[in-house]
C-alpha atoms as a PDB file:
ATOM      1  CA  MET A   1      -5.727  13.791  -4.091  1.00  0.00           C
ATOM      2  CA  SER A   2      -5.105  11.682  -1.052  1.00  0.00           C
ATOM      3  CA  LEU A   3      -4.672   8.409  -2.959  1.00  0.00           C
ATOM      4  CA  GLU A   4      -1.131   8.532  -4.289  1.00  0.00           C
ATOM      5  CA  THR A   5      -1.796   5.559  -6.568  1.00  0.00           C
ATOM      6  CA  LEU A   6      -4.402   7.593  -8.488  1.00  0.00           C
ATOM      7  CA  ASP A   7      -1.650  10.015  -9.513  1.00  0.00           C
ATOM      8  CA  PRO A   8      -0.605   9.127 -13.088  1.00  0.00           C
ATOM      9  CA  ASP A   9       2.960  10.147 -12.257  1.00  0.00           C
ATOM     10  CA  SER A  10       3.191   7.497  -9.523  1.00  0.00           C
ATOM     11  CA  ASP A  11       3.803   4.727 -12.070  1.00  0.00           C
ATOM     12  CA  ASP A  12       6.068   4.878 -15.099  1.00  0.00           C
ATOM     13  CA  ALA A  13       3.794   2.288 -16.769  1.00  0.00           C
ATOM     14  CA  ALA A  14       0.826   4.686 -16.859  1.00  0.00           C
ATOM     15  CA  PRO A  15      -0.068   5.375 -20.497  1.00  0.00           C
ATOM     16  CA  ASP A  16       0.588   8.590 -22.358  1.00  0.00           C
ATOM     17  CA  ALA A  17      -2.509  10.396 -23.614  1.00  0.00           C
ATOM     18  CA  ALA A  18      -1.455   9.536 -27.168  1.00  0.00           C
ATOM     19  CA  ASP A  19      -1.667   5.817 -26.302  1.00  0.00           C
ATOM     20  CA  LEU A  20      -5.296   5.998 -25.155  1.00  0.00           C
ATOM     21  CA  ASP A  21      -8.295   5.239 -27.352  1.00  0.00           C
ATOM     22  CA  PRO A  22     -10.056   8.516 -28.248  1.00  0.00           C
ATOM     23  CA  ALA A  23     -13.460   6.820 -27.810  1.00  0.00           C
ATOM     24  CA  VAL A  24     -12.535   5.913 -24.224  1.00  0.00           C
ATOM     25  CA  LEU A  25     -11.433   9.474 -23.514  1.00  0.00           C
ATOM     26  CA  ASP A  26     -14.622  10.863 -25.069  1.00  0.00           C
ATOM     27  CA  ALA A  27     -16.794   8.592 -22.909  1.00  0.00           C
ATOM     28  CA  LEU A  28     -14.950   9.495 -19.704  1.00  0.00           C
ATOM     29  CA  GLY A  29     -15.081  13.212 -20.452  1.00  0.00           C
ATOM     30  CA  ALA A  30     -18.751  13.324 -21.463  1.00  0.00           C
ATOM     31  CA  ALA A  31     -21.789  14.468 -19.521  1.00  0.00           C
ATOM     32  CA  ASP A  32     -19.973  16.037 -16.550  1.00  0.00           C
ATOM     33  CA  TYR A  33     -19.719  12.670 -14.839  1.00  0.00           C
ATOM     34  CA  ARG A  34     -18.372  12.538 -11.282  1.00  0.00           C
ATOM     35  CA  PHE A  35     -15.862   9.797 -10.445  1.00  0.00           C
ATOM     36  CA  LYS A  36     -15.660   8.400  -6.921  1.00  0.00           C
ATOM     37  CA  VAL A  37     -12.620   6.201  -6.392  1.00  0.00           C
ATOM     38  CA  TRP A  38     -12.011   3.917  -3.411  1.00  0.00           C
ATOM     39  CA  GLY A  39      -8.598   2.388  -3.040  1.00  0.00           C
ATOM     40  CA  GLY A  40      -5.591   1.959  -0.836  1.00  0.00           C
ATOM     41  CA  ASP A  41      -1.994   2.844  -1.521  1.00  0.00           C
ATOM     42  CA  TRP A  42      -1.154  -0.459   0.234  1.00  0.00           C
ATOM     43  CA  CYS A  43      -3.311  -2.466  -2.238  1.00  0.00           C
ATOM     44  CA  ILE A  44      -1.493  -4.290  -5.052  1.00  0.00           C
ATOM     45  CA  ASP A  45      -4.520  -4.126  -7.389  1.00  0.00           C
ATOM     46  CA  CYS A  46      -4.785  -0.369  -6.783  1.00  0.00           C
ATOM     47  CA  GLN A  47      -1.070   0.135  -7.371  1.00  0.00           C
ATOM     48  CA  ARG A  48      -1.398  -1.757 -10.658  1.00  0.00           C
ATOM     49  CA  GLN A  49      -4.577  -0.131 -11.984  1.00  0.00           C
ATOM     50  CA  LEU A  50      -5.131   3.332 -10.543  1.00  0.00           C
ATOM     51  CA  PRO A  51      -2.162   5.215 -12.094  1.00  0.00           C
ATOM     52  CA  ALA A  52      -3.390   4.313 -15.592  1.00  0.00           C
ATOM     53  CA  PHE A  53      -6.940   5.326 -14.652  1.00  0.00           C
ATOM     54  CA  GLY A  54      -5.671   8.641 -13.282  1.00  0.00           C
ATOM     55  CA  ALA A  55      -3.801   9.191 -16.559  1.00  0.00           C
ATOM     56  CA  ALA A  56      -6.954   8.435 -18.557  1.00  0.00           C
ATOM     57  CA  LEU A  57      -9.040  10.880 -16.500  1.00  0.00           C
ATOM     58  CA  ALA A  58      -6.397  13.570 -17.016  1.00  0.00           C
ATOM     59  CA  ALA A  59      -6.198  12.866 -20.754  1.00  0.00           C
ATOM     60  CA  ALA A  60     -10.007  13.010 -20.981  1.00  0.00           C
ATOM     61  CA  GLY A  61      -9.931  16.465 -19.428  1.00  0.00           C
ATOM     62  CA  VAL A  62     -11.909  15.476 -16.337  1.00  0.00           C
ATOM     63  CA  PRO A  63     -11.318  18.303 -13.846  1.00  0.00           C
ATOM     64  CA  ASP A  64     -10.107  17.493 -10.350  1.00  0.00           C
ATOM     65  CA  ASP A  65     -13.324  18.807  -8.810  1.00  0.00           C
ATOM     66  CA  ARG A  66     -15.211  15.919 -10.470  1.00  0.00           C
ATOM     67  CA  ILE A  67     -12.872  13.262  -9.049  1.00  0.00           C
ATOM     68  CA  GLU A  68     -13.189  12.222  -5.416  1.00  0.00           C
ATOM     69  CA  ASP A  69     -10.826   9.703  -3.905  1.00  0.00           C
ATOM     70  CA  PHE A  70     -11.496   7.791  -0.734  1.00  0.00           C
ATOM     71  CA  PRO A  71      -8.589   6.019   0.970  1.00  0.00           C
ATOM     72  CA  VAL A  72      -9.568   2.641   2.380  1.00  0.00           C
ATOM     73  CA  THR A  73      -7.960   0.756   5.232  1.00  0.00           C
ATOM     74  CA  LYS A  74      -8.434  -2.887   6.065  1.00  0.00           C
ATOM     75  CA  SER A  75      -9.371  -4.369   9.379  1.00  0.00           C
ATOM     76  CA  PRO A  76     -10.451  -7.811  10.580  1.00  0.00           C
ATOM     77  CA  GLU A  77     -14.039  -6.635  10.008  1.00  0.00           C
ATOM     78  CA  GLY A  78     -13.398  -5.647   6.367  1.00  0.00           C
ATOM     79  CA  LYS A  79     -12.776  -2.429   4.490  1.00  0.00           C
ATOM     80  CA  GLU A  80     -13.051   0.864   6.372  1.00  0.00           C
ATOM     81  CA  GLY A  81     -13.137   4.475   5.248  1.00  0.00           C
ATOM     82  CA  GLU A  82     -15.381   7.293   4.169  1.00  0.00           C
ATOM     83  CA  GLY A  83     -18.318   6.138   2.052  1.00  0.00           C
ATOM     84  CA  VAL A  84     -17.481   2.429   2.372  1.00  0.00           C
ATOM     85  CA  ASP A  85     -20.798   1.540   3.999  1.00  0.00           C
ATOM     86  CA  GLU A  86     -22.883   4.046   2.047  1.00  0.00           C
ATOM     87  CA  TYR A  87     -21.596   2.749  -1.312  1.00  0.00           C
ATOM     88  CA  ASP A  88     -21.264  -0.905  -0.244  1.00  0.00           C
ATOM     89  CA  ILE A  89     -17.530  -1.073  -0.964  1.00  0.00           C
ATOM     90  CA  GLU A  90     -16.149  -4.550  -0.351  1.00  0.00           C
ATOM     91  CA  LEU A  91     -13.301  -4.809  -2.887  1.00  0.00           C
ATOM     92  CA  ILE A  92     -10.829  -2.226  -4.131  1.00  0.00           C
ATOM     93  CA  PRO A  93     -10.244  -0.511  -6.357  1.00  0.00           C
ATOM     94  CA  THR A  94     -13.879   0.449  -6.793  1.00  0.00           C
ATOM     95  CA  VAL A  95     -14.890   3.356  -9.022  1.00  0.00           C
ATOM     96  CA  VAL A  96     -18.441   4.676  -9.004  1.00  0.00           C
ATOM     97  CA  VAL A  97     -19.467   7.043 -11.785  1.00  0.00           C
ATOM     98  CA  GLU A  98     -22.363   9.360 -11.047  1.00  0.00           C
ATOM     99  CA  SER A  99     -24.366  11.709 -13.204  1.00  0.00           C
ATOM    100  CA  PRO A 100     -24.357  15.411 -12.285  1.00  0.00           C
ATOM    101  CA  ALA A 101     -27.659  14.704 -10.468  1.00  0.00           C
ATOM    102  CA  GLY A 102     -25.922  12.106  -8.277  1.00  0.00           C
ATOM    103  CA  ASP A 103     -27.342   8.963  -9.897  1.00  0.00           C
ATOM    104  CA  GLU A 104     -24.973   6.012 -10.250  1.00  0.00           C
ATOM    105  CA  VAL A 105     -24.472   5.224 -13.936  1.00  0.00           C
ATOM    106  CA  ALA A 106     -21.507   2.816 -13.831  1.00  0.00           C
ATOM    107  CA  ARG A 107     -19.372   0.900 -11.364  1.00  0.00           C
ATOM    108  CA  PHE A 108     -16.009  -0.849 -11.648  1.00  0.00           C
ATOM    109  CA  VAL A 109     -15.090  -3.328  -8.899  1.00  0.00           C
ATOM    110  CA  GLU A 110     -11.546  -4.657  -8.393  1.00  0.00           C
ATOM    111  CA  ASP A 111     -10.622  -6.254 -11.718  1.00  0.00           C
ATOM    112  CA  ALA A 112     -11.718  -6.828 -15.310  1.00  0.00           C
ATOM    113  CA  ASP A 113     -10.245  -8.111 -18.554  1.00  0.00           C
ATOM    114  CA  VAL A 114      -9.686  -4.497 -19.642  1.00  0.00           C
ATOM    115  CA  SER A 115      -8.475  -1.332 -17.931  1.00  0.00           C
ATOM    116  CA  ILE A 116     -10.724   0.604 -15.569  1.00  0.00           C
ATOM    117  CA  ALA A 117     -11.026   3.363 -18.189  1.00  0.00           C
ATOM    118  CA  GLU A 118     -12.056   0.957 -20.953  1.00  0.00           C
ATOM    119  CA  PHE A 119     -14.504  -0.872 -18.676  1.00  0.00           C
ATOM    120  CA  LEU A 120     -16.202   2.332 -17.574  1.00  0.00           C
ATOM    121  CA  ALA A 121     -16.162   3.855 -21.063  1.00  0.00           C
ATOM    122  CA  THR A 122     -18.149   0.880 -22.376  1.00  0.00           C
ATOM    123  CA  ARG A 123     -20.708   1.208 -19.575  1.00  0.00           C
ATOM    124  CA  LEU A 124     -20.954   4.973 -20.035  1.00  0.00           C
ATOM    125  CA  ALA A 125     -21.408   4.663 -23.797  1.00  0.00           C
ATOM    126  CA  ASP A 126     -24.195   2.131 -23.173  1.00  0.00           C
ATOM    127  CA  ALA A 127     -25.825   4.506 -20.662  1.00  0.00           C
ATOM    128  CA  GLU A 128     -25.634   7.400 -23.145  1.00  0.00           C
ATOM    129  CA  ALA A 129     -27.138   5.238 -25.917  1.00  0.00           C
ATOM    130  CA  SER A 130     -30.069   4.180 -23.743  1.00  0.00           C
ATOM    131  CA  ALA A 131     -30.752   7.695 -22.410  1.00  0.00           C
END
């Protein structure tokens, strides 16, 4: 991974697998979802949120080949980096979850009242229920 902040070992506050809700882990690990993560190691929100998300993905058994990370830089014109324009990335961290067919099924943007893992798990469970 090129985003150091996505590494669960980069933050001592990242949760242990035993501390994570099994329903969240089940939702993240289901359906061979692909996770695309935009962030910056310089970004305070990314430093705060991505280590815990990386720990949740690892605890859910999501293999590395289904996780893509895209480092973002900032310029006077806005965010820059691979996929920023294609995926309309304006705020980071942003996580896009895609089905194996490449369809977007959930998106987390910058901040929520719950962790990235919990936020996405709720959206993924809703997507599974409506499928």
